[in-house]
Structure formats: C-alpha cells, structure tokens
C-alpha cells in the first residue's frame, strides 16, 4: 500500500506542476499583462476564455475516450471485488 500511496502522490505533484506550467503559458500566450491590473485588453480576456474552455473540453473528451476503451466489464469488476473480499473480508 505504501508504494501505491507514493505513486499517487508523485502523480498529483506532476499534475500540479503541469497545471502551473499551463497557467504560465496561458498568461504569456494570451497577451495578459499583470501591470495593467484590471484594465486588460478585451482580446486578452477573450483569448484566455477560449483557451480555458477548449483545454477543459479536450481533457473531458480525452477522459471519456480513455474510460470508453478501458478494458473492464461488470463481470471483471465483481470478480475483482470477490477476490479482495476473500482476501481481507467484506467492507459492508
């Protein structure tokens, strides 16, 4: 279980790092200038909205695609649950 916990934490840290990198790229590529404060160009705000919407949609489509082709059925899931319960007992 410790190995799974460490892998999960490593994946989370990679996700956070990629998120910060994406935010940095978004700000740089859309023409956002922090020194302007709330007086940003309308084009910069529009570009940010488009990029954020498009990337969110792409990630959602990617997740749906992965789930669609993930090789698990009800039979496999119940078989796995039965094996786990036989090993450690029932949760419910």
C-alpha atoms as a PDB file:
ATOM      1  CA  UNK A   1       0.000   0.000   0.000  1.00  0.00           C
ATOM      2  CA  UNK A   2       2.902   2.353   0.639  1.00  0.00           C
ATOM      3  CA  UNK A   3       4.086   2.050  -2.952  1.00  0.00           C
ATOM      4  CA  UNK A   4       0.620   2.912  -4.266  1.00  0.00           C
ATOM      5  CA  UNK A   5       0.462   5.935  -1.950  1.00  0.00           C
ATOM      6  CA  UNK A   6       3.834   7.181  -3.152  1.00  0.00           C
ATOM      7  CA  UNK A   7       2.899   6.730  -6.798  1.00  0.00           C
ATOM      8  CA  UNK A   8      -0.372   8.576  -6.209  1.00  0.00           C
ATOM      9  CA  UNK A   9       1.445  11.489  -4.553  1.00  0.00           C
ATOM     10  CA  UNK A  10       4.006  11.604  -7.371  1.00  0.00           C
ATOM     11  CA  UNK A  11       1.208  11.717  -9.956  1.00  0.00           C
ATOM     12  CA  UNK A  12      -0.508  14.516  -8.010  1.00  0.00           C
ATOM     13  CA  UNK A  13       2.727  16.537  -7.863  1.00  0.00           C
ATOM     14  CA  UNK A  14       3.244  16.076 -11.601  1.00  0.00           C
ATOM     15  CA  UNK A  15      -0.344  17.209 -12.179  1.00  0.00           C
ATOM     16  CA  UNK A  16       0.151  20.330 -10.064  1.00  0.00           C
ATOM     17  CA  UNK A  17       3.385  21.127 -11.892  1.00  0.00           C
ATOM     18  CA  UNK A  18       1.731  20.718 -15.283  1.00  0.00           C
ATOM     19  CA  UNK A  19      -1.166  22.881 -14.106  1.00  0.00           C
ATOM     20  CA  UNK A  20       1.180  25.696 -13.095  1.00  0.00           C
ATOM     21  CA  UNK A  21       3.063  25.371 -16.385  1.00  0.00           C
ATOM     22  CA  UNK A  22      -0.235  25.537 -18.279  1.00  0.00           C
ATOM     23  CA  UNK A  23      -1.308  28.638 -16.337  1.00  0.00           C
ATOM     24  CA  UNK A  24       2.028  30.302 -17.069  1.00  0.00           C
ATOM     25  CA  UNK A  25       1.738  29.515 -20.782  1.00  0.00           C
ATOM     26  CA  UNK A  26      -1.852  30.732 -20.836  1.00  0.00           C
ATOM     27  CA  UNK A  27      -0.892  34.093 -19.355  1.00  0.00           C
ATOM     28  CA  UNK A  28       2.107  34.502 -21.667  1.00  0.00           C
ATOM     29  CA  UNK A  29       0.382  33.431 -24.886  1.00  0.00           C
ATOM     30  CA  UNK A  30      -2.837  35.406 -24.460  1.00  0.00           C
ATOM     31  CA  UNK A  31      -1.247  38.811 -24.015  1.00  0.00           C
ATOM     32  CA  UNK A  32      -2.170  39.269 -20.345  1.00  0.00           C
ATOM     33  CA  UNK A  33      -0.058  41.967 -18.639  1.00  0.00           C
ATOM     34  CA  UNK A  34      -0.091  41.996 -14.850  1.00  0.00           C
ATOM     35  CA  UNK A  35       0.997  45.633 -14.671  1.00  0.00           C
ATOM     36  CA  UNK A  36      -2.318  46.652 -16.246  1.00  0.00           C
ATOM     37  CA  UNK A  37      -4.278  45.185 -13.349  1.00  0.00           C
ATOM     38  CA  UNK A  38      -7.985  45.094 -14.206  1.00  0.00           C
ATOM     39  CA  UNK A  39      -7.521  47.158 -17.381  1.00  0.00           C
ATOM     40  CA  UNK A  40      -6.652  44.212 -19.610  1.00  0.00           C
ATOM     41  CA  UNK A  41      -7.300  44.320 -23.324  1.00  0.00           C
ATOM     42  CA  UNK A  42     -10.636  42.667 -24.218  1.00  0.00           C
ATOM     43  CA  UNK A  43      -8.784  40.455 -26.708  1.00  0.00           C
ATOM     44  CA  UNK A  44      -6.569  39.062 -23.937  1.00  0.00           C
ATOM     45  CA  UNK A  45      -9.577  38.172 -21.803  1.00  0.00           C
ATOM     46  CA  UNK A  46     -11.360  36.610 -24.784  1.00  0.00           C
ATOM     47  CA  UNK A  47      -8.267  34.541 -25.672  1.00  0.00           C
ATOM     48  CA  UNK A  48      -7.999  33.331 -22.068  1.00  0.00           C
ATOM     49  CA  UNK A  49     -11.645  32.290 -22.040  1.00  0.00           C
ATOM     50  CA  UNK A  50     -11.282  30.451 -25.363  1.00  0.00           C
ATOM     51  CA  UNK A  51      -8.118  28.629 -24.289  1.00  0.00           C
ATOM     52  CA  UNK A  52      -9.557  27.639 -20.893  1.00  0.00           C
ATOM     53  CA  UNK A  53     -12.787  26.405 -22.472  1.00  0.00           C
ATOM     54  CA  UNK A  54     -11.013  24.489 -25.245  1.00  0.00           C
ATOM     55  CA  UNK A  55      -8.490  22.806 -22.944  1.00  0.00           C
ATOM     56  CA  UNK A  56     -11.208  21.798 -20.481  1.00  0.00           C
ATOM     57  CA  UNK A  57     -13.257  20.316 -23.318  1.00  0.00           C
ATOM     58  CA  UNK A  58     -10.224  18.459 -24.699  1.00  0.00           C
ATOM     59  CA  UNK A  59      -9.386  16.960 -21.292  1.00  0.00           C
ATOM     60  CA  UNK A  60     -13.023  15.888 -20.846  1.00  0.00           C
ATOM     61  CA  UNK A  61     -13.118  14.248 -24.287  1.00  0.00           C
ATOM     62  CA  UNK A  62      -9.796  12.545 -23.552  1.00  0.00           C
ATOM     63  CA  UNK A  63     -11.087  11.198 -20.230  1.00  0.00           C
ATOM     64  CA  UNK A  64     -14.262   9.914 -21.871  1.00  0.00           C
ATOM     65  CA  UNK A  65     -12.197   8.235 -24.585  1.00  0.00           C
ATOM     66  CA  UNK A  66      -9.925   6.553 -22.017  1.00  0.00           C
ATOM     67  CA  UNK A  67     -12.926   5.359 -19.986  1.00  0.00           C
ATOM     68  CA  UNK A  68     -14.690   4.128 -23.115  1.00  0.00           C
ATOM     69  CA  UNK A  69     -11.806   1.874 -24.082  1.00  0.00           C
ATOM     70  CA  UNK A  70     -10.712   0.862 -20.572  1.00  0.00           C
ATOM     71  CA  UNK A  71     -10.925  -2.941 -20.557  1.00  0.00           C
ATOM     72  CA  UNK A  72     -13.273  -3.549 -17.616  1.00  0.00           C
ATOM     73  CA  UNK A  73     -16.706  -5.060 -17.530  1.00  0.00           C
ATOM     74  CA  UNK A  74     -19.188  -5.682 -14.731  1.00  0.00           C
ATOM     75  CA  UNK A  75     -18.017  -9.282 -14.627  1.00  0.00           C
ATOM     76  CA  UNK A  76     -14.356  -8.284 -14.179  1.00  0.00           C
ATOM     77  CA  UNK A  77     -15.238  -5.680 -11.536  1.00  0.00           C
ATOM     78  CA  UNK A  78     -17.335  -8.124  -9.484  1.00  0.00           C
ATOM     79  CA  UNK A  79     -14.674 -10.819  -9.814  1.00  0.00           C
ATOM     80  CA  UNK A  80     -12.031  -8.388  -8.524  1.00  0.00           C
ATOM     81  CA  UNK A  81     -14.272  -7.375  -5.633  1.00  0.00           C
ATOM     82  CA  UNK A  82     -14.886 -11.018  -4.719  1.00  0.00           C
ATOM     83  CA  UNK A  83     -11.134 -11.697  -4.697  1.00  0.00           C
ATOM     84  CA  UNK A  84     -10.469  -8.665  -2.490  1.00  0.00           C
ATOM     85  CA  UNK A  85     -13.241  -9.575  -0.068  1.00  0.00           C
ATOM     86  CA  UNK A  86     -11.936 -13.137   0.130  1.00  0.00           C
ATOM     87  CA  UNK A  87      -8.502 -11.774   0.968  1.00  0.00           C
ATOM     88  CA  UNK A  88      -9.470  -9.143   3.580  1.00  0.00           C
ATOM     89  CA  UNK A  89     -13.156  -9.587   4.349  1.00  0.00           C
ATOM     90  CA  UNK A  90     -16.276  -7.668   3.378  1.00  0.00           C
ATOM     91  CA  UNK A  91     -16.471  -3.893   3.838  1.00  0.00           C
ATOM     92  CA  UNK A  92     -20.254  -3.609   4.159  1.00  0.00           C
END
